[in-house]
Amino acid sequence: MLLDILTKEDLQVFKKELLDEIRQIVKGKTLAENGEREWLRSREVRKKLNISPGTLQNLRITGLLPFKKIGGSMYYRSSDVDMMMEGGDGNG
């Protein structure tokens, strides 16, 4: 059996990398292929799709619009939102 030993330094490096990635998502610095921000907040998604908060919640609950929750904020991938605008559900 192969064992890897993690040190405190390894964990600190991992923590720094993870926090940097979260900061990029929150600040919207990660760009999608089309030049837009890769991750959008709920407010931006509702405006882009012209839907109510309840409709967005239903899309999350039914799994039609994937999301990530960081803290108390929901984030949606721009490509998934674009697919919703085109009427696609990602199933074919």
PDB file of N, CA and C in Angstrom:
ATOM      1  N   MET A   1       0.857  -1.170   0.000  1.00  0.00           N
ATOM      2  CA  MET A   1       0.000   0.000   0.000  1.00  0.00           C
ATOM      3  C   MET A   1       0.903   1.234   0.000  1.00  0.00           C
ATOM      4  N   LEU A   2       0.578   2.184  -0.889  1.00  0.00           N
ATOM      5  CA  LEU A   2       1.347   3.412  -1.007  1.00  0.00           C
ATOM      6  C   LEU A   2       0.696   4.498  -0.175  1.00  0.00           C
ATOM      7  N   LEU A   3       1.475   5.133   0.696  1.00  0.00           N
ATOM      8  CA  LEU A   3       0.955   6.194   1.549  1.00  0.00           C
ATOM      9  C   LEU A   3       1.646   7.505   1.230  1.00  0.00           C
ATOM     10  N   ASP A   4       0.867   8.572   1.168  1.00  0.00           N
ATOM     11  CA  ASP A   4       1.420   9.917   1.035  1.00  0.00           C
ATOM     12  C   ASP A   4       1.198  10.637   2.346  1.00  0.00           C
ATOM     13  N   ILE A   5       2.226  11.307   2.814  1.00  0.00           N
ATOM     14  CA  ILE A   5       2.121  12.033   4.072  1.00  0.00           C
ATOM     15  C   ILE A   5       1.939  13.510   3.762  1.00  0.00           C
ATOM     16  N   LEU A   6       0.895  14.097   4.335  1.00  0.00           N
ATOM     17  CA  LEU A   6       0.629  15.516   4.168  1.00  0.00           C
ATOM     18  C   LEU A   6       1.202  16.279   5.348  1.00  0.00           C
ATOM     19  N   THR A   7       1.852  17.374   5.023  1.00  0.00           N
ATOM     20  CA  THR A   7       2.401  18.222   6.083  1.00  0.00           C
ATOM     21  C   THR A   7       1.503  19.441   6.265  1.00  0.00           C
ATOM     22  N   LYS A   8       1.744  20.178   7.318  1.00  0.00           N
ATOM     23  CA  LYS A   8       1.001  21.426   7.530  1.00  0.00           C
ATOM     24  C   LYS A   8       1.249  22.382   6.374  1.00  0.00           C
ATOM     25  N   GLU A   9       2.462  22.384   5.873  1.00  0.00           N
ATOM     26  CA  GLU A   9       2.796  23.255   4.742  1.00  0.00           C
ATOM     27  C   GLU A   9       1.978  22.881   3.499  1.00  0.00           C
ATOM     28  N   ASP A  10       1.812  21.575   3.250  1.00  0.00           N
ATOM     29  CA  ASP A  10       0.990  21.116   2.133  1.00  0.00           C
ATOM     30  C   ASP A  10      -0.448  21.633   2.263  1.00  0.00           C
ATOM     31  N   LEU A  11      -0.977  21.547   3.474  1.00  0.00           N
ATOM     32  CA  LEU A  11      -2.342  22.009   3.711  1.00  0.00           C
ATOM     33  C   LEU A  11      -2.453  23.521   3.555  1.00  0.00           C
ATOM     34  N   GLN A  12      -1.435  24.255   3.963  1.00  0.00           N
ATOM     35  CA  GLN A  12      -1.461  25.711   3.812  1.00  0.00           C
ATOM     36  C   GLN A  12      -1.418  26.102   2.336  1.00  0.00           C
ATOM     37  N   VAL A  13      -0.626  25.399   1.542  1.00  0.00           N
ATOM     38  CA  VAL A  13      -0.576  25.662   0.101  1.00  0.00           C
ATOM     39  C   VAL A  13      -1.936  25.367  -0.519  1.00  0.00           C
ATOM     40  N   PHE A  14      -2.542  24.243  -0.153  1.00  0.00           N
ATOM     41  CA  PHE A  14      -3.869  23.882  -0.664  1.00  0.00           C
ATOM     42  C   PHE A  14      -4.898  24.945  -0.292  1.00  0.00           C
ATOM     43  N   LYS A  15      -4.863  25.407   0.944  1.00  0.00           N
ATOM     44  CA  LYS A  15      -5.792  26.429   1.417  1.00  0.00           C
ATOM     45  C   LYS A  15      -5.645  27.706   0.594  1.00  0.00           C
ATOM     46  N   LYS A  16      -4.411  28.125   0.360  1.00  0.00           N
ATOM     47  CA  LYS A  16      -4.160  29.337  -0.411  1.00  0.00           C
ATOM     48  C   LYS A  16      -4.715  29.194  -1.832  1.00  0.00           C
ATOM     49  N   GLU A  17      -4.449  28.058  -2.486  1.00  0.00           N
ATOM     50  CA  GLU A  17      -4.932  27.829  -3.844  1.00  0.00           C
ATOM     51  C   GLU A  17      -6.456  27.820  -3.891  1.00  0.00           C
ATOM     52  N   LEU A  18      -7.080  27.175  -2.920  1.00  0.00           N
ATOM     53  CA  LEU A  18      -8.535  27.104  -2.872  1.00  0.00           C
ATOM     54  C   LEU A  18      -9.148  28.487  -2.671  1.00  0.00           C
ATOM     55  N   LEU A  19      -8.597  29.256  -1.761  1.00  0.00           N
ATOM     56  CA  LEU A  19      -9.111  30.609  -1.524  1.00  0.00           C
ATOM     57  C   LEU A  19      -8.921  31.499  -2.746  1.00  0.00           C
ATOM     58  N   ASP A  20      -7.797  31.347  -3.451  1.00  0.00           N
ATOM     59  CA  ASP A  20      -7.569  32.128  -4.662  1.00  0.00           C
ATOM     60  C   ASP A  20      -8.622  31.806  -5.726  1.00  0.00           C
ATOM     61  N   GLU A  21      -8.937  30.532  -5.889  1.00  0.00           N
ATOM     62  CA  GLU A  21      -9.957  30.137  -6.865  1.00  0.00           C
ATOM     63  C   GLU A  21     -11.327  30.687  -6.486  1.00  0.00           C
ATOM     64  N   ILE A  22     -11.684  30.621  -5.220  1.00  0.00           N
ATOM     65  CA  ILE A  22     -12.968  31.156  -4.764  1.00  0.00           C
ATOM     66  C   ILE A  22     -13.026  32.657  -5.006  1.00  0.00           C
ATOM     67  N   ARG A  23     -11.934  33.353  -4.729  1.00  0.00           N
ATOM     68  CA  ARG A  23     -11.897  34.806  -4.965  1.00  0.00           C
ATOM     69  C   ARG A  23     -12.095  35.120  -6.438  1.00  0.00           C
ATOM     70  N   GLN A  24     -11.499  34.331  -7.331  1.00  0.00           N
ATOM     71  CA  GLN A  24     -11.661  34.549  -8.764  1.00  0.00           C
ATOM     72  C   GLN A  24     -13.117  34.382  -9.166  1.00  0.00           C
ATOM     73  N   ILE A  25     -13.770  33.376  -8.636  1.00  0.00           N
ATOM     74  CA  ILE A  25     -15.180  33.145  -8.959  1.00  0.00           C
ATOM     75  C   ILE A  25     -16.023  34.311  -8.469  1.00  0.00           C
ATOM     76  N   VAL A  26     -15.800  34.716  -7.235  1.00  0.00           N
ATOM     77  CA  VAL A  26     -16.591  35.788  -6.641  1.00  0.00           C
ATOM     78  C   VAL A  26     -16.377  37.099  -7.387  1.00  0.00           C
ATOM     79  N   LYS A  27     -15.158  37.386  -7.774  1.00  0.00           N
ATOM     80  CA  LYS A  27     -14.868  38.630  -8.481  1.00  0.00           C
ATOM     81  C   LYS A  27     -15.217  38.547  -9.957  1.00  0.00           C
ATOM     82  N   GLY A  28     -15.521  37.354 -10.438  1.00  0.00           N
ATOM     83  CA  GLY A  28     -15.896  37.206 -11.840  1.00  0.00           C
ATOM     84  C   GLY A  28     -14.725  37.325 -12.789  1.00  0.00           C
ATOM     85  N   LYS A  29     -13.515  37.019 -12.322  1.00  0.00           N
ATOM     86  CA  LYS A  29     -12.348  37.160 -13.171  1.00  0.00           C
ATOM     87  C   LYS A  29     -12.124  35.955 -14.066  1.00  0.00           C
ATOM     88  N   THR A  30     -12.807  34.873 -13.822  1.00  0.00           N
ATOM     89  CA  THR A  30     -12.676  33.708 -14.674  1.00  0.00           C
ATOM     90  C   THR A  30     -13.588  33.916 -15.870  1.00  0.00           C
ATOM     91  N   LEU A  31     -13.013  33.959 -17.060  1.00  0.00           N
ATOM     92  CA  LEU A  31     -13.795  34.231 -18.259  1.00  0.00           C
ATOM     93  C   LEU A  31     -14.103  32.944 -19.007  1.00  0.00           C
ATOM     94  N   ALA A  32     -15.301  32.894 -19.552  1.00  0.00           N
ATOM     95  CA  ALA A  32     -15.693  31.762 -20.379  1.00  0.00           C
ATOM     96  C   ALA A  32     -15.066  31.945 -21.762  1.00  0.00           C
ATOM     97  N   GLU A  33     -15.246  30.952 -22.634  1.00  0.00           N
ATOM     98  CA  GLU A  33     -14.673  30.998 -23.973  1.00  0.00           C
ATOM     99  C   GLU A  33     -15.190  32.185 -24.777  1.00  0.00           C
ATOM    100  N   ASN A  34     -16.432  32.604 -24.549  1.00  0.00           N
ATOM    101  CA  ASN A  34     -17.023  33.691 -25.324  1.00  0.00           C
ATOM    102  C   ASN A  34     -16.654  35.070 -24.775  1.00  0.00           C
ATOM    103  N   GLY A  35     -15.765  35.147 -23.796  1.00  0.00           N
ATOM    104  CA  GLY A  35     -15.316  36.422 -23.256  1.00  0.00           C
ATOM    105  C   GLY A  35     -16.148  36.930 -22.096  1.00  0.00           C
ATOM    106  N   GLU A  36     -17.278  36.274 -21.807  1.00  0.00           N
ATOM    107  CA  GLU A  36     -18.093  36.657 -20.652  1.00  0.00           C
ATOM    108  C   GLU A  36     -17.493  36.035 -19.392  1.00  0.00           C
ATOM    109  N   ARG A  37     -17.936  36.551 -18.252  1.00  0.00           N
ATOM    110  CA  ARG A  37     -17.524  35.912 -17.007  1.00  0.00           C
ATOM    111  C   ARG A  37     -18.050  34.483 -17.007  1.00  0.00           C
ATOM    112  N   GLU A  38     -17.261  33.588 -16.490  1.00  0.00           N
ATOM    113  CA  GLU A  38     -17.660  32.180 -16.483  1.00  0.00           C
ATOM    114  C   GLU A  38     -18.782  31.913 -15.487  1.00  0.00           C
ATOM    115  N   TRP A  39     -18.787  32.624 -14.353  1.00  0.00           N
ATOM    116  CA  TRP A  39     -19.774  32.400 -13.306  1.00  0.00           C
ATOM    117  C   TRP A  39     -20.625  33.647 -13.105  1.00  0.00           C
ATOM    118  N   LEU A  40     -21.933  33.460 -13.023  1.00  0.00           N
ATOM    119  CA  LEU A  40     -22.885  34.554 -12.821  1.00  0.00           C
ATOM    120  C   LEU A  40     -23.625  34.359 -11.508  1.00  0.00           C
ATOM    121  N   ARG A  41     -24.027  35.466 -10.898  1.00  0.00           N
ATOM    122  CA  ARG A  41     -24.834  35.413  -9.683  1.00  0.00           C
ATOM    123  C   ARG A  41     -26.307  35.312 -10.061  1.00  0.00           C
ATOM    124  N   SER A  42     -27.130  34.973  -9.068  1.00  0.00           N
ATOM    125  CA  SER A  42     -28.566  34.777  -9.299  1.00  0.00           C
ATOM    126  C   SER A  42     -29.208  35.988  -9.959  1.00  0.00           C
ATOM    127  N   ARG A  43     -28.903  37.167  -9.476  1.00  0.00           N
ATOM    128  CA  ARG A  43     -29.498  38.400 -10.010  1.00  0.00           C
ATOM    129  C   ARG A  43     -29.200  38.536 -11.508  1.00  0.00           C
ATOM    130  N   GLU A  44     -27.955  38.241 -11.902  1.00  0.00           N
ATOM    131  CA  GLU A  44     -27.556  38.352 -13.302  1.00  0.00           C
ATOM    132  C   GLU A  44     -28.268  37.309 -14.167  1.00  0.00           C
ATOM    133  N   VAL A  45     -28.436  36.113 -13.620  1.00  0.00           N
ATOM    134  CA  VAL A  45     -29.116  35.046 -14.349  1.00  0.00           C
ATOM    135  C   VAL A  45     -30.592  35.399 -14.552  1.00  0.00           C
ATOM    136  N   ARG A  46     -31.233  35.908 -13.494  1.00  0.00           N
ATOM    137  CA  ARG A  46     -32.645  36.285 -13.601  1.00  0.00           C
ATOM    138  C   ARG A  46     -32.838  37.365 -14.657  1.00  0.00           C
ATOM    139  N   LYS A  47     -31.929  38.315 -14.692  1.00  0.00           N
ATOM    140  CA  LYS A  47     -32.023  39.396 -15.671  1.00  0.00           C
ATOM    141  C   LYS A  47     -31.798  38.860 -17.084  1.00  0.00           C
ATOM    142  N   LYS A  48     -30.802  38.007 -17.243  1.00  0.00           N
ATOM    143  CA  LYS A  48     -30.469  37.459 -18.558  1.00  0.00           C
ATOM    144  C   LYS A  48     -31.596  36.585 -19.106  1.00  0.00           C
ATOM    145  N   LEU A  49     -32.221  35.782 -18.235  1.00  0.00           N
ATOM    146  CA  LEU A  49     -33.303  34.893 -18.661  1.00  0.00           C
ATOM    147  C   LEU A  49     -34.676  35.549 -18.559  1.00  0.00           C
ATOM    148  N   ASN A  50     -34.718  36.742 -17.930  1.00  0.00           N
ATOM    149  CA  ASN A  50     -35.981  37.456 -17.710  1.00  0.00           C
ATOM    150  C   ASN A  50     -36.977  36.579 -16.941  1.00  0.00           C
ATOM    151  N   ILE A  51     -36.522  36.087 -15.784  1.00  0.00           N
ATOM    152  CA  ILE A  51     -37.351  35.224 -14.953  1.00  0.00           C
ATOM    153  C   ILE A  51     -37.383  35.754 -13.515  1.00  0.00           C
ATOM    154  N   SER A  52     -38.333  35.269 -12.752  1.00  0.00           N
ATOM    155  CA  SER A  52     -38.489  35.674 -11.352  1.00  0.00           C
ATOM    156  C   SER A  52     -37.581  34.832 -10.455  1.00  0.00           C
ATOM    157  N   PRO A  53     -37.380  35.286  -9.209  1.00  0.00           N
ATOM    158  CA  PRO A  53     -36.605  34.483  -8.261  1.00  0.00           C
ATOM    159  C   PRO A  53     -37.196  33.082  -8.055  1.00  0.00           C
ATOM    160  N   GLY A  54     -38.521  32.993  -8.038  1.00  0.00           N
ATOM    161  CA  GLY A  54     -39.171  31.690  -7.851  1.00  0.00           C
ATOM    162  C   GLY A  54     -38.908  30.744  -9.011  1.00  0.00           C
ATOM    163  N   THR A  55     -38.920  31.282 -10.226  1.00  0.00           N
ATOM    164  CA  THR A  55     -38.636  30.449 -11.400  1.00  0.00           C
ATOM    165  C   THR A  55     -37.202  29.960 -11.360  1.00  0.00           C
ATOM    166  N   LEU A  56     -36.275  30.825 -10.973  1.00  0.00           N
ATOM    167  CA  LEU A  56     -34.875  30.416 -10.862  1.00  0.00           C
ATOM    168  C   LEU A  56     -34.721  29.325  -9.804  1.00  0.00           C
ATOM    169  N   GLN A  57     -35.437  29.470  -8.711  1.00  0.00           N
ATOM    170  CA  GLN A  57     -35.391  28.443  -7.669  1.00  0.00           C
ATOM    171  C   GLN A  57     -35.916  27.117  -8.210  1.00  0.00           C
ATOM    172  N   ASN A  58     -36.995  27.144  -8.975  1.00  0.00           N
ATOM    173  CA  ASN A  58     -37.538  25.918  -9.567  1.00  0.00           C
ATOM    174  C   ASN A  58     -36.540  25.272 -10.523  1.00  0.00           C
ATOM    175  N   LEU A  59     -35.811  26.082 -11.287  1.00  0.00           N
ATOM    176  CA  LEU A  59     -34.793  25.540 -12.196  1.00  0.00           C
ATOM    177  C   LEU A  59     -33.684  24.849 -11.413  1.00  0.00           C
ATOM    178  N   ARG A  60     -33.335  25.406 -10.252  1.00  0.00           N
ATOM    179  CA  ARG A  60     -32.321  24.772  -9.397  1.00  0.00           C
ATOM    180  C   ARG A  60     -32.841  23.462  -8.824  1.00  0.00           C
ATOM    181  N   ILE A  61     -34.063  23.507  -8.269  1.00  0.00           N
ATOM    182  CA  ILE A  61     -34.637  22.332  -7.605  1.00  0.00           C
ATOM    183  C   ILE A  61     -34.792  21.161  -8.568  1.00  0.00           C
ATOM    184  N   THR A  62     -35.249  21.460  -9.782  1.00  0.00           N
ATOM    185  CA  THR A  62     -35.472  20.399 -10.766  1.00  0.00           C
ATOM    186  C   THR A  62     -34.186  19.943 -11.437  1.00  0.00           C
ATOM    187  N   GLY A  63     -33.090  20.661 -11.189  1.00  0.00           N
ATOM    188  CA  GLY A  63     -31.815  20.277 -11.775  1.00  0.00           C
ATOM    189  C   GLY A  63     -31.631  20.737 -13.208  1.00  0.00           C
ATOM    190  N   LEU A  64     -32.535  21.576 -13.708  1.00  0.00           N
ATOM    191  CA  LEU A  64     -32.418  22.055 -15.081  1.00  0.00           C
ATOM    192  C   LEU A  64     -31.314  23.093 -15.249  1.00  0.00           C
ATOM    193  N   LEU A  65     -30.957  23.756 -14.163  1.00  0.00           N
ATOM    194  CA  LEU A  65     -29.883  24.744 -14.219  1.00  0.00           C
ATOM    195  C   LEU A  65     -28.900  24.449 -13.084  1.00  0.00           C
ATOM    196  N   PRO A  66     -27.767  23.843 -13.408  1.00  0.00           N
ATOM    197  CA  PRO A  66     -26.770  23.519 -12.376  1.00  0.00           C
ATOM    198  C   PRO A  66     -26.226  24.791 -11.728  1.00  0.00           C
ATOM    199  N   PHE A  67     -25.818  24.677 -10.474  1.00  0.00           N
ATOM    200  CA  PHE A  67     -25.300  25.827  -9.737  1.00  0.00           C
ATOM    201  C   PHE A  67     -24.297  25.361  -8.695  1.00  0.00           C
ATOM    202  N   LYS A  68     -23.534  26.331  -8.200  1.00  0.00           N
ATOM    203  CA  LYS A  68     -22.623  26.098  -7.081  1.00  0.00           C
ATOM    204  C   LYS A  68     -23.005  27.083  -5.996  1.00  0.00           C
ATOM    205  N   LYS A  69     -22.993  26.638  -4.756  1.00  0.00           N
ATOM    206  CA  LYS A  69     -23.292  27.521  -3.641  1.00  0.00           C
ATOM    207  C   LYS A  69     -22.014  27.743  -2.852  1.00  0.00           C
ATOM    208  N   ILE A  70     -21.640  29.014  -2.731  1.00  0.00           N
ATOM    209  CA  ILE A  70     -20.473  29.382  -1.946  1.00  0.00           C
ATOM    210  C   ILE A  70     -20.953  30.358  -0.900  1.00  0.00           C
ATOM    211  N   GLY A  71     -20.821  29.967   0.351  1.00  0.00           N
ATOM    212  CA  GLY A  71     -21.391  30.780   1.420  1.00  0.00           C
ATOM    213  C   GLY A  71     -22.891  30.815   1.239  1.00  0.00           C
ATOM    214  N   GLY A  72     -23.471  31.992   1.167  1.00  0.00           N
ATOM    215  CA  GLY A  72     -24.908  32.111   0.958  1.00  0.00           C
ATOM    216  C   GLY A  72     -25.271  32.502  -0.456  1.00  0.00           C
ATOM    217  N   SER A  73     -24.279  32.524  -1.373  1.00  0.00           N
ATOM    218  CA  SER A  73     -24.529  32.967  -2.744  1.00  0.00           C
ATOM    219  C   SER A  73     -24.528  31.801  -3.712  1.00  0.00           C
ATOM    220  N   MET A  74     -25.416  31.894  -4.700  1.00  0.00           N
ATOM    221  CA  MET A  74     -25.498  30.878  -5.756  1.00  0.00           C
ATOM    222  C   MET A  74     -24.777  31.409  -6.987  1.00  0.00           C
ATOM    223  N   TYR A  75     -24.025  30.538  -7.649  1.00  0.00           N
ATOM    224  CA  TYR A  75     -23.311  30.895  -8.862  1.00  0.00           C
ATOM    225  C   TYR A  75     -23.666  29.902  -9.955  1.00  0.00           C
ATOM    226  N   TYR A  76     -23.809  30.431 -11.175  1.00  0.00           N
ATOM    227  CA  TYR A  76     -24.232  29.636 -12.325  1.00  0.00           C
ATOM    228  C   TYR A  76     -23.215  29.822 -13.441  1.00  0.00           C
ATOM    229  N   ARG A  77     -22.877  28.747 -14.127  1.00  0.00           N
ATOM    230  CA  ARG A  77     -21.931  28.812 -15.239  1.00  0.00           C
ATOM    231  C   ARG A  77     -22.627  29.498 -16.429  1.00  0.00           C
ATOM    232  N   SER A  78     -21.930  30.446 -17.055  1.00  0.00           N
ATOM    233  CA  SER A  78     -22.493  31.191 -18.186  1.00  0.00           C
ATOM    234  C   SER A  78     -22.973  30.266 -19.298  1.00  0.00           C
ATOM    235  N   SER A  79     -22.215  29.222 -19.584  1.00  0.00           N
ATOM    236  CA  SER A  79     -22.595  28.304 -20.666  1.00  0.00           C
ATOM    237  C   SER A  79     -23.908  27.592 -20.351  1.00  0.00           C
ATOM    238  N   ASP A  80     -24.156  27.274 -19.077  1.00  0.00           N
ATOM    239  CA  ASP A  80     -25.425  26.644 -18.696  1.00  0.00           C
ATOM    240  C   ASP A  80     -26.587  27.612 -18.869  1.00  0.00           C
ATOM    241  N   VAL A  81     -26.350  28.881 -18.530  1.00  0.00           N
ATOM    242  CA  VAL A  81     -27.399  29.903 -18.688  1.00  0.00           C
ATOM    243  C   VAL A  81     -27.689  30.111 -20.164  1.00  0.00           C
ATOM    244  N   ASP A  82     -26.646  30.154 -20.995  1.00  0.00           N
ATOM    245  CA  ASP A  82     -26.844  30.321 -22.434  1.00  0.00           C
ATOM    246  C   ASP A  82     -27.670  29.165 -23.000  1.00  0.00           C
ATOM    247  N   MET A  83     -27.421  27.958 -22.502  1.00  0.00           N
ATOM    248  CA  MET A  83     -28.176  26.798 -22.959  1.00  0.00           C
ATOM    249  C   MET A  83     -29.659  26.948 -22.589  1.00  0.00           C
ATOM    250  N   MET A  84     -29.921  27.493 -21.400  1.00  0.00           N
ATOM    251  CA  MET A  84     -31.313  27.732 -20.996  1.00  0.00           C
ATOM    252  C   MET A  84     -31.975  28.749 -21.917  1.00  0.00           C
ATOM    253  N   MET A  85     -31.223  29.771 -22.340  1.00  0.00           N
ATOM    254  CA  MET A  85     -31.758  30.789 -23.231  1.00  0.00           C
ATOM    255  C   MET A  85     -32.139  30.194 -24.580  1.00  0.00           C
ATOM    256  N   GLU A  86     -31.388  29.177 -25.002  1.00  0.00           N
ATOM    257  CA  GLU A  86     -31.652  28.524 -26.277  1.00  0.00           C
ATOM    258  C   GLU A  86     -32.729  27.453 -26.151  1.00  0.00           C
ATOM    259  N   GLY A  87     -33.211  27.241 -24.940  1.00  0.00           N
ATOM    260  CA  GLY A  87     -34.272  26.264 -24.727  1.00  0.00           C
ATOM    261  C   GLY A  87     -33.767  24.848 -24.566  1.00  0.00           C
ATOM    262  N   GLY A  88     -32.461  24.680 -24.437  1.00  0.00           N
ATOM    263  CA  GLY A  88     -31.903  23.342 -24.280  1.00  0.00           C
ATOM    264  C   GLY A  88     -31.851  22.936 -22.829  1.00  0.00           C
ATOM    265  N   ASP A  89     -31.843  21.641 -22.587  1.00  0.00           N
ATOM    266  CA  ASP A  89     -31.736  21.142 -21.214  1.00  0.00           C
ATOM    267  C   ASP A  89     -30.476  20.319 -21.018  1.00  0.00           C
ATOM    268  N   GLY A  90     -29.620  20.282 -22.060  1.00  0.00           N
ATOM    269  CA  GLY A  90     -28.364  19.543 -21.920  1.00  0.00           C
ATOM    270  C   GLY A  90     -28.522  18.054 -22.099  1.00  0.00           C
ATOM    271  N   ASN A  91     -29.706  17.587 -22.460  1.00  0.00           N
ATOM    272  CA  ASN A  91     -29.943  16.145 -22.627  1.00  0.00           C
ATOM    273  C   ASN A  91     -30.076  15.760 -24.089  1.00  0.00           C
ATOM    274  N   GLY A  92     -29.250  16.278 -24.940  1.00  0.00           N
ATOM    275  CA  GLY A  92     -29.306  15.840 -26.319  1.00  0.00           C
ATOM    276  C   GLY A  92     -29.260  16.897 -27.267  1.00  0.00           C
TER     277      GLY A  92
END
